[in-house]
Amino acid sequence: MFVTYVVVTIFAALLYASAAVLAAGALGLVGGFALPILGTLAAYSLVLYFLGALLAHLRVGSRKLGNWSFFFATSVAALQSISSITGPDPDHS
């Protein structure tokens, strides 16, 4: 009984942490309008977040990846659009 309680408590803590990471990524994308480097870092972190979500789904045997593919494609598109806007630094070419 105690082991079950510990496992559920640990997974609940991880769920709250992953929700905080997702919220921070979304806020970082919005903050990227003011600081482009913040938006770039947030876009990279969201891509890594959704890759982790894919691995978690595959590990438990879930093959329902329709929603994941949409959100992953959205985060990759955000990263691509931010990279194309900021572009390479002209001083370091």
PDB file of N, CA and C in Angstrom:
ATOM      1  N   MET A   1       0.824  -1.192   0.000  1.00  0.00           N
ATOM      2  CA  MET A   1       0.000   0.000   0.000  1.00  0.00           C
ATOM      3  C   MET A   1       0.875   1.266   0.000  1.00  0.00           C
ATOM      4  N   PHE A   2       1.910   1.248   0.833  1.00  0.00           N
ATOM      5  CA  PHE A   2       2.786   2.408   0.914  1.00  0.00           C
ATOM      6  C   PHE A   2       3.537   2.633  -0.386  1.00  0.00           C
ATOM      7  N   VAL A   3       3.948   1.542  -1.034  1.00  0.00           N
ATOM      8  CA  VAL A   3       4.679   1.652  -2.298  1.00  0.00           C
ATOM      9  C   VAL A   3       3.794   2.301  -3.357  1.00  0.00           C
ATOM     10  N   THR A   4       2.536   1.915  -3.404  1.00  0.00           N
ATOM     11  CA  THR A   4       1.595   2.517  -4.354  1.00  0.00           C
ATOM     12  C   THR A   4       1.440   4.009  -4.089  1.00  0.00           C
ATOM     13  N   TYR A   5       1.339   4.370  -2.826  1.00  0.00           N
ATOM     14  CA  TYR A   5       1.216   5.778  -2.459  1.00  0.00           C
ATOM     15  C   TYR A   5       2.446   6.569  -2.920  1.00  0.00           C
ATOM     16  N   VAL A   6       3.623   6.000  -2.715  1.00  0.00           N
ATOM     17  CA  VAL A   6       4.853   6.685  -3.105  1.00  0.00           C
ATOM     18  C   VAL A   6       4.923   6.841  -4.622  1.00  0.00           C
ATOM     19  N   VAL A   7       4.579   5.792  -5.354  1.00  0.00           N
ATOM     20  CA  VAL A   7       4.632   5.854  -6.818  1.00  0.00           C
ATOM     21  C   VAL A   7       3.646   6.890  -7.348  1.00  0.00           C
ATOM     22  N   VAL A   8       2.432   6.898  -6.834  1.00  0.00           N
ATOM     23  CA  VAL A   8       1.435   7.867  -7.281  1.00  0.00           C
ATOM     24  C   VAL A   8       1.862   9.282  -6.932  1.00  0.00           C
ATOM     25  N   THR A   9       2.446   9.483  -5.770  1.00  0.00           N
ATOM     26  CA  THR A   9       2.904  10.817  -5.369  1.00  0.00           C
ATOM     27  C   THR A   9       4.033  11.306  -6.269  1.00  0.00           C
ATOM     28  N   ILE A  10       4.952  10.421  -6.609  1.00  0.00           N
ATOM     29  CA  ILE A  10       6.064  10.811  -7.488  1.00  0.00           C
ATOM     30  C   ILE A  10       5.549  11.172  -8.874  1.00  0.00           C
ATOM     31  N   PHE A  11       4.646  10.360  -9.421  1.00  0.00           N
ATOM     32  CA  PHE A  11       4.117  10.665 -10.750  1.00  0.00           C
ATOM     33  C   PHE A  11       3.269  11.930 -10.754  1.00  0.00           C
ATOM     34  N   ALA A  12       2.562  12.201  -9.668  1.00  0.00           N
ATOM     35  CA  ALA A  12       1.791  13.445  -9.578  1.00  0.00           C
ATOM     36  C   ALA A  12       2.734  14.648  -9.565  1.00  0.00           C
ATOM     37  N   ALA A  13       3.850  14.536  -8.863  1.00  0.00           N
ATOM     38  CA  ALA A  13       4.829  15.626  -8.833  1.00  0.00           C
ATOM     39  C   ALA A  13       5.431  15.842 -10.214  1.00  0.00           C
ATOM     40  N   LEU A  14       5.704  14.751 -10.932  1.00  0.00           N
ATOM     41  CA  LEU A  14       6.243  14.889 -12.292  1.00  0.00           C
ATOM     42  C   LEU A  14       5.223  15.525 -13.235  1.00  0.00           C
ATOM     43  N   LEU A  15       3.950  15.212 -13.029  1.00  0.00           N
ATOM     44  CA  LEU A  15       2.904  15.804 -13.854  1.00  0.00           C
ATOM     45  C   LEU A  15       2.838  17.310 -13.647  1.00  0.00           C
ATOM     46  N   TYR A  16       2.916  17.741 -12.387  1.00  0.00           N
ATOM     47  CA  TYR A  16       2.906  19.177 -12.125  1.00  0.00           C
ATOM     48  C   TYR A  16       4.147  19.848 -12.700  1.00  0.00           C
ATOM     49  N   ALA A  17       5.283  19.180 -12.635  1.00  0.00           N
ATOM     50  CA  ALA A  17       6.516  19.759 -13.178  1.00  0.00           C
ATOM     51  C   ALA A  17       6.431  19.872 -14.693  1.00  0.00           C
ATOM     52  N   SER A  18       5.869  18.856 -15.356  1.00  0.00           N
ATOM     53  CA  SER A  18       5.773  18.933 -16.812  1.00  0.00           C
ATOM     54  C   SER A  18       4.773  20.008 -17.237  1.00  0.00           C
ATOM     55  N   ALA A  19       3.724  20.200 -16.453  1.00  0.00           N
ATOM     56  CA  ALA A  19       2.783  21.282 -16.759  1.00  0.00           C
ATOM     57  C   ALA A  19       3.449  22.642 -16.591  1.00  0.00           C
ATOM     58  N   ALA A  20       4.315  22.779 -15.603  1.00  0.00           N
ATOM     59  CA  ALA A  20       5.036  24.037 -15.399  1.00  0.00           C
ATOM     60  C   ALA A  20       6.010  24.298 -16.545  1.00  0.00           C
ATOM     61  N   VAL A  21       6.670  23.246 -17.033  1.00  0.00           N
ATOM     62  CA  VAL A  21       7.590  23.406 -18.165  1.00  0.00           C
ATOM     63  C   VAL A  21       6.832  23.825 -19.421  1.00  0.00           C
ATOM     64  N   LEU A  22       5.670  23.224 -19.639  1.00  0.00           N
ATOM     65  CA  LEU A  22       4.866  23.577 -20.808  1.00  0.00           C
ATOM     66  C   LEU A  22       4.378  25.027 -20.721  1.00  0.00           C
ATOM     67  N   ALA A  23       3.932  25.448 -19.545  1.00  0.00           N
ATOM     68  CA  ALA A  23       3.488  26.835 -19.361  1.00  0.00           C
ATOM     69  C   ALA A  23       4.646  27.810 -19.540  1.00  0.00           C
ATOM     70  N   ALA A  24       5.823  27.448 -19.031  1.00  0.00           N
ATOM     71  CA  ALA A  24       6.990  28.320 -19.195  1.00  0.00           C
ATOM     72  C   ALA A  24       7.385  28.432 -20.661  1.00  0.00           C
ATOM     73  N   GLY A  25       7.251  27.352 -21.415  1.00  0.00           N
ATOM     74  CA  GLY A  25       7.544  27.406 -22.845  1.00  0.00           C
ATOM     75  C   GLY A  25       6.584  28.309 -23.589  1.00  0.00           C
ATOM     76  N   ALA A  26       5.315  28.224 -23.236  1.00  0.00           N
ATOM     77  CA  ALA A  26       4.322  29.084 -23.886  1.00  0.00           C
ATOM     78  C   ALA A  26       4.560  30.552 -23.542  1.00  0.00           C
ATOM     79  N   LEU A  27       4.847  30.829 -22.294  1.00  0.00           N
ATOM     80  CA  LEU A  27       5.138  32.216 -21.901  1.00  0.00           C
ATOM     81  C   LEU A  27       6.428  32.706 -22.547  1.00  0.00           C
ATOM     82  N   GLY A  28       7.385  31.812 -22.714  1.00  0.00           N
ATOM     83  CA  GLY A  28       8.634  32.184 -23.379  1.00  0.00           C
ATOM     84  C   GLY A  28       8.423  32.552 -24.834  1.00  0.00           C
ATOM     85  N   LEU A  29       7.500  31.841 -25.496  1.00  0.00           N
ATOM     86  CA  LEU A  29       7.196  32.198 -26.885  1.00  0.00           C
ATOM     87  C   LEU A  29       6.580  33.586 -26.975  1.00  0.00           C
ATOM     88  N   VAL A  30       5.707  33.893 -26.043  1.00  0.00           N
ATOM     89  CA  VAL A  30       5.102  35.230 -26.029  1.00  0.00           C
ATOM     90  C   VAL A  30       6.165  36.274 -25.680  1.00  0.00           C
ATOM     91  N   GLY A  31       7.025  35.948 -24.707  1.00  0.00           N
ATOM     92  CA  GLY A  31       8.097  36.868 -24.343  1.00  0.00           C
ATOM     93  C   GLY A  31       9.123  37.031 -25.442  1.00  0.00           C
ATOM     94  N   GLY A  32       9.130  36.115 -26.396  1.00  0.00           N
ATOM     95  CA  GLY A  32      10.049  36.201 -27.515  1.00  0.00           C
ATOM     96  C   GLY A  32       9.793  37.388 -28.425  1.00  0.00           C
ATOM     97  N   PHE A  33       8.615  37.972 -28.316  1.00  0.00           N
ATOM     98  CA  PHE A  33       8.363  39.196 -29.090  1.00  0.00           C
ATOM     99  C   PHE A  33       9.233  40.339 -28.587  1.00  0.00           C
ATOM    100  N   ALA A  34       9.510  40.348 -27.291  1.00  0.00           N
ATOM    101  CA  ALA A  34      10.354  41.398 -26.728  1.00  0.00           C
ATOM    102  C   ALA A  34      11.838  41.029 -26.813  1.00  0.00           C
ATOM    103  N   LEU A  35      12.164  39.791 -26.488  1.00  0.00           N
ATOM    104  CA  LEU A  35      13.540  39.298 -26.533  1.00  0.00           C
ATOM    105  C   LEU A  35      13.588  38.081 -27.457  1.00  0.00           C
ATOM    106  N   PRO A  36      14.071  38.232 -28.672  1.00  0.00           N
ATOM    107  CA  PRO A  36      14.060  37.113 -29.616  1.00  0.00           C
ATOM    108  C   PRO A  36      14.803  35.869 -29.124  1.00  0.00           C
ATOM    109  N   ILE A  37      15.867  36.046 -28.356  1.00  0.00           N
ATOM    110  CA  ILE A  37      16.600  34.883 -27.858  1.00  0.00           C
ATOM    111  C   ILE A  37      15.734  34.081 -26.891  1.00  0.00           C
ATOM    112  N   LEU A  38      14.886  34.744 -26.132  1.00  0.00           N
ATOM    113  CA  LEU A  38      13.978  34.052 -25.222  1.00  0.00           C
ATOM    114  C   LEU A  38      12.981  33.199 -26.005  1.00  0.00           C
ATOM    115  N   GLY A  39      12.476  33.728 -27.095  1.00  0.00           N
ATOM    116  CA  GLY A  39      11.558  32.963 -27.932  1.00  0.00           C
ATOM    117  C   GLY A  39      12.227  31.761 -28.575  1.00  0.00           C
ATOM    118  N   THR A  40      13.486  31.934 -28.994  1.00  0.00           N
ATOM    119  CA  THR A  40      14.223  30.826 -29.595  1.00  0.00           C
ATOM    120  C   THR A  40      14.460  29.720 -28.576  1.00  0.00           C
ATOM    121  N   LEU A  41      14.880  30.088 -27.382  1.00  0.00           N
ATOM    122  CA  LEU A  41      15.100  29.086 -26.337  1.00  0.00           C
ATOM    123  C   LEU A  41      13.803  28.395 -25.940  1.00  0.00           C
ATOM    124  N   ALA A  42      12.715  29.150 -25.887  1.00  0.00           N
ATOM    125  CA  ALA A  42      11.425  28.555 -25.548  1.00  0.00           C
ATOM    126  C   ALA A  42      10.965  27.588 -26.631  1.00  0.00           C
ATOM    127  N   ALA A  43      11.192  27.934 -27.882  1.00  0.00           N
ATOM    128  CA  ALA A  43      10.800  27.042 -28.979  1.00  0.00           C
ATOM    129  C   ALA A  43      11.616  25.750 -28.943  1.00  0.00           C
ATOM    130  N   TYR A  44      12.917  25.854 -28.683  1.00  0.00           N
ATOM    131  CA  TYR A  44      13.742  24.657 -28.541  1.00  0.00           C
ATOM    132  C   TYR A  44      13.258  23.797 -27.373  1.00  0.00           C
ATOM    133  N   SER A  45      12.922  24.439 -26.262  1.00  0.00           N
ATOM    134  CA  SER A  45      12.479  23.672 -25.100  1.00  0.00           C
ATOM    135  C   SER A  45      11.147  22.984 -25.361  1.00  0.00           C
ATOM    136  N   LEU A  46      10.262  23.612 -26.125  1.00  0.00           N
ATOM    137  CA  LEU A  46       8.997  22.959 -26.445  1.00  0.00           C
ATOM    138  C   LEU A  46       9.192  21.770 -27.372  1.00  0.00           C
ATOM    139  N   VAL A  47      10.117  21.876 -28.309  1.00  0.00           N
ATOM    140  CA  VAL A  47      10.410  20.733 -29.175  1.00  0.00           C
ATOM    141  C   VAL A  47      10.944  19.575 -28.333  1.00  0.00           C
ATOM    142  N   LEU A  48      11.847  19.853 -27.407  1.00  0.00           N
ATOM    143  CA  LEU A  48      12.373  18.806 -26.532  1.00  0.00           C
ATOM    144  C   LEU A  48      11.284  18.241 -25.621  1.00  0.00           C
ATOM    145  N   TYR A  49      10.385  19.101 -25.148  1.00  0.00           N
ATOM    146  CA  TYR A  49       9.278  18.662 -24.301  1.00  0.00           C
ATOM    147  C   TYR A  49       8.400  17.658 -25.048  1.00  0.00           C
ATOM    148  N   PHE A  50       8.056  17.973 -26.282  1.00  0.00           N
ATOM    149  CA  PHE A  50       7.182  17.085 -27.036  1.00  0.00           C
ATOM    150  C   PHE A  50       7.902  15.814 -27.496  1.00  0.00           C
ATOM    151  N   LEU A  51       9.214  15.867 -27.695  1.00  0.00           N
ATOM    152  CA  LEU A  51       9.956  14.633 -27.941  1.00  0.00           C
ATOM    153  C   LEU A  51       9.933  13.734 -26.707  1.00  0.00           C
ATOM    154  N   GLY A  52      10.036  14.339 -25.532  1.00  0.00           N
ATOM    155  CA  GLY A  52       9.912  13.573 -24.291  1.00  0.00           C
ATOM    156  C   GLY A  52       8.527  12.979 -24.134  1.00  0.00           C
ATOM    157  N   ALA A  53       7.509  13.732 -24.553  1.00  0.00           N
ATOM    158  CA  ALA A  53       6.144  13.209 -24.492  1.00  0.00           C
ATOM    159  C   ALA A  53       5.980  12.011 -25.422  1.00  0.00           C
ATOM    160  N   LEU A  54       6.614  12.073 -26.602  1.00  0.00           N
ATOM    161  CA  LEU A  54       6.563  10.935 -27.515  1.00  0.00           C
ATOM    162  C   LEU A  54       7.202   9.708 -26.876  1.00  0.00           C
ATOM    163  N   LEU A  55       8.358   9.890 -26.284  1.00  0.00           N
ATOM    164  CA  LEU A  55       9.025   8.760 -25.639  1.00  0.00           C
ATOM    165  C   LEU A  55       8.190   8.192 -24.498  1.00  0.00           C
ATOM    166  N   ALA A  56       7.529   9.055 -23.740  1.00  0.00           N
ATOM    167  CA  ALA A  56       6.677   8.579 -22.645  1.00  0.00           C
ATOM    168  C   ALA A  56       5.497   7.773 -23.185  1.00  0.00           C
ATOM    169  N   HIS A  57       4.894   8.236 -24.259  1.00  0.00           N
ATOM    170  CA  HIS A  57       3.766   7.509 -24.852  1.00  0.00           C
ATOM    171  C   HIS A  57       4.214   6.160 -25.410  1.00  0.00           C
ATOM    172  N   LEU A  58       5.351   6.141 -26.074  1.00  0.00           N
ATOM    173  CA  LEU A  58       5.842   4.884 -26.638  1.00  0.00           C
ATOM    174  C   LEU A  58       6.252   3.898 -25.548  1.00  0.00           C
ATOM    175  N   ARG A  59       6.778   4.422 -24.455  1.00  0.00           N
ATOM    176  CA  ARG A  59       7.214   3.549 -23.368  1.00  0.00           C
ATOM    177  C   ARG A  59       6.044   2.801 -22.739  1.00  0.00           C
ATOM    178  N   VAL A  60       4.878   3.457 -22.621  1.00  0.00           N
ATOM    179  CA  VAL A  60       3.726   2.782 -22.014  1.00  0.00           C
ATOM    180  C   VAL A  60       2.880   2.062 -23.045  1.00  0.00           C
ATOM    181  N   GLY A  61       3.277   2.120 -24.312  1.00  0.00           N
ATOM    182  CA  GLY A  61       2.572   1.374 -25.347  1.00  0.00           C
ATOM    183  C   GLY A  61       1.411   2.107 -25.980  1.00  0.00           C
ATOM    184  N   SER A  62       1.300   3.395 -25.755  1.00  0.00           N
ATOM    185  CA  SER A  62       0.217   4.167 -26.357  1.00  0.00           C
ATOM    186  C   SER A  62       0.573   4.498 -27.801  1.00  0.00           C
ATOM    187  N   ARG A  63      -0.332   4.211 -28.696  1.00  0.00           N
ATOM    188  CA  ARG A  63      -0.105   4.512 -30.115  1.00  0.00           C
ATOM    189  C   ARG A  63      -1.052   5.598 -30.623  1.00  0.00           C
ATOM    190  N   LYS A  64      -1.723   6.275 -29.724  1.00  0.00           N
ATOM    191  CA  LYS A  64      -2.613   7.366 -30.107  1.00  0.00           C
ATOM    192  C   LYS A  64      -1.785   8.651 -30.134  1.00  0.00           C
ATOM    193  N   LEU A  65      -1.221   8.944 -31.280  1.00  0.00           N
ATOM    194  CA  LEU A  65      -0.282  10.054 -31.389  1.00  0.00           C
ATOM    195  C   LEU A  65      -0.797  11.185 -32.277  1.00  0.00           C
ATOM    196  N   GLY A  66      -2.093  11.224 -32.531  1.00  0.00           N
ATOM    197  CA  GLY A  66      -2.653  12.280 -33.374  1.00  0.00           C
ATOM    198  C   GLY A  66      -2.480  13.651 -32.763  1.00  0.00           C
ATOM    199  N   ASN A  67      -2.845  13.793 -31.496  1.00  0.00           N
ATOM    200  CA  ASN A  67      -2.700  15.090 -30.830  1.00  0.00           C
ATOM    201  C   ASN A  67      -1.228  15.459 -30.683  1.00  0.00           C
ATOM    202  N   TRP A  68      -0.405  14.467 -30.357  1.00  0.00           N
ATOM    203  CA  TRP A  68       1.019  14.745 -30.207  1.00  0.00           C
ATOM    204  C   TRP A  68       1.601  15.287 -31.504  1.00  0.00           C
ATOM    205  N   SER A  69       1.245  14.678 -32.630  1.00  0.00           N
ATOM    206  CA  SER A  69       1.830  15.114 -33.899  1.00  0.00           C
ATOM    207  C   SER A  69       1.434  16.547 -34.237  1.00  0.00           C
ATOM    208  N   PHE A  70       0.196  16.918 -33.895  1.00  0.00           N
ATOM    209  CA  PHE A  70      -0.233  18.305 -34.136  1.00  0.00           C
ATOM    210  C   PHE A  70       0.574  19.282 -33.288  1.00  0.00           C
ATOM    211  N   PHE A  71       0.695  19.002 -31.994  1.00  0.00           N
ATOM    212  CA  PHE A  71       1.412  19.923 -31.109  1.00  0.00           C
ATOM    213  C   PHE A  71       2.910  19.945 -31.406  1.00  0.00           C
ATOM    214  N   PHE A  72       3.471  18.805 -31.775  1.00  0.00           N
ATOM    215  CA  PHE A  72       4.882  18.767 -32.133  1.00  0.00           C
ATOM    216  C   PHE A  72       5.127  19.571 -33.408  1.00  0.00           C
ATOM    217  N   ALA A  73       4.261  19.404 -34.393  1.00  0.00           N
ATOM    218  CA  ALA A  73       4.407  20.167 -35.638  1.00  0.00           C
ATOM    219  C   ALA A  73       4.263  21.664 -35.375  1.00  0.00           C
ATOM    220  N   THR A  74       3.378  22.031 -34.471  1.00  0.00           N
ATOM    221  CA  THR A  74       3.201  23.444 -34.121  1.00  0.00           C
ATOM    222  C   THR A  74       4.460  23.999 -33.467  1.00  0.00           C
ATOM    223  N   SER A  75       5.060  23.230 -32.560  1.00  0.00           N
ATOM    224  CA  SER A  75       6.271  23.717 -31.896  1.00  0.00           C
ATOM    225  C   SER A  75       7.451  23.794 -32.867  1.00  0.00           C
ATOM    226  N   VAL A  76       7.543  22.853 -33.799  1.00  0.00           N
ATOM    227  CA  VAL A  76       8.605  22.917 -34.816  1.00  0.00           C
ATOM    228  C   VAL A  76       8.375  24.113 -35.742  1.00  0.00           C
ATOM    229  N   ALA A  77       7.122  24.378 -36.084  1.00  0.00           N
ATOM    230  CA  ALA A  77       6.813  25.540 -36.923  1.00  0.00           C
ATOM    231  C   ALA A  77       7.164  26.842 -36.202  1.00  0.00           C
ATOM    232  N   ALA A  78       6.910  26.896 -34.901  1.00  0.00           N
ATOM    233  CA  ALA A  78       7.277  28.089 -34.131  1.00  0.00           C
ATOM    234  C   ALA A  78       8.788  28.267 -34.126  1.00  0.00           C
ATOM    235  N   LEU A  79       9.510  27.163 -33.953  1.00  0.00           N
ATOM    236  CA  LEU A  79      10.968  27.243 -33.974  1.00  0.00           C
ATOM    237  C   LEU A  79      11.469  27.697 -35.339  1.00  0.00           C
ATOM    238  N   GLN A  80      10.888  27.171 -36.394  1.00  0.00           N
ATOM    239  CA  GLN A  80      11.306  27.546 -37.744  1.00  0.00           C
ATOM    240  C   GLN A  80      11.007  29.012 -38.034  1.00  0.00           C
ATOM    241  N   SER A  81       9.833  29.478 -37.611  1.00  0.00           N
ATOM    242  CA  SER A  81       9.484  30.872 -37.893  1.00  0.00           C
ATOM    243  C   SER A  81      10.358  31.825 -37.094  1.00  0.00           C
ATOM    244  N   ILE A  82      10.675  31.464 -35.864  1.00  0.00           N
ATOM    245  CA  ILE A  82      11.555  32.321 -35.058  1.00  0.00           C
ATOM    246  C   ILE A  82      12.954  32.332 -35.654  1.00  0.00           C
ATOM    247  N   SER A  83      13.434  31.179 -36.103  1.00  0.00           N
ATOM    248  CA  SER A  83      14.774  31.114 -36.697  1.00  0.00           C
ATOM    249  C   SER A  83      14.850  31.902 -38.000  1.00  0.00           C
ATOM    250  N   SER A  84      13.767  31.893 -38.766  1.00  0.00           N
ATOM    251  CA  SER A  84      13.799  32.619 -40.038  1.00  0.00           C
ATOM    252  C   SER A  84      13.684  34.125 -39.811  1.00  0.00           C
ATOM    253  N   ILE A  85      13.027  34.527 -38.733  1.00  0.00           N
ATOM    254  CA  ILE A  85      12.907  35.961 -38.435  1.00  0.00           C
ATOM    255  C   ILE A  85      14.234  36.515 -37.919  1.00  0.00           C
ATOM    256  N   THR A  86      14.820  35.810 -36.942  1.00  0.00           N
ATOM    257  CA  THR A  86      16.058  36.315 -36.374  1.00  0.00           C
ATOM    258  C   THR A  86      17.225  36.125 -37.334  1.00  0.00           C
ATOM    259  N   GLY A  87      17.275  34.978 -37.987  1.00  0.00           N
ATOM    260  CA  GLY A  87      18.323  34.731 -38.981  1.00  0.00           C
ATOM    261  C   GLY A  87      19.699  34.699 -38.369  1.00  0.00           C
ATOM    262  N   PRO A  88      20.707  34.507 -39.209  1.00  0.00           N
ATOM    263  CA  PRO A  88      22.082  34.507 -38.686  1.00  0.00           C
ATOM    264  C   PRO A  88      22.513  35.914 -38.313  1.00  0.00           C
ATOM    265  N   ASP A  89      23.425  36.002 -37.374  1.00  0.00           N
ATOM    266  CA  ASP A  89      23.947  37.287 -36.936  1.00  0.00           C
ATOM    267  C   ASP A  89      24.904  37.827 -38.004  1.00  0.00           C
ATOM    268  N   PRO A  90      24.623  39.018 -38.553  1.00  0.00           N
ATOM    269  CA  PRO A  90      25.480  39.547 -39.630  1.00  0.00           C
ATOM    270  C   PRO A  90      26.903  39.877 -39.170  1.00  0.00           C
ATOM    271  N   ASP A  91      27.086  40.089 -37.863  1.00  0.00           N
ATOM    272  CA  ASP A  91      28.419  40.421 -37.371  1.00  0.00           C
ATOM    273  C   ASP A  91      29.340  39.207 -37.321  1.00  0.00           C
ATOM    274  N   HIS A  92      28.760  38.011 -37.314  1.00  0.00           N
ATOM    275  CA  HIS A  92      29.563  36.790 -37.183  1.00  0.00           C
ATOM    276  C   HIS A  92      29.541  35.952 -38.457  1.00  0.00           C
ATOM    277  N   SER A  93      29.480  36.568 -39.592  1.00  0.00           N
ATOM    278  CA  SER A  93      29.434  35.794 -40.831  1.00  0.00           C
ATOM    279  C   SER A  93      30.773  35.543 -41.430  1.00  0.00           C
TER     280      SER A  93
END
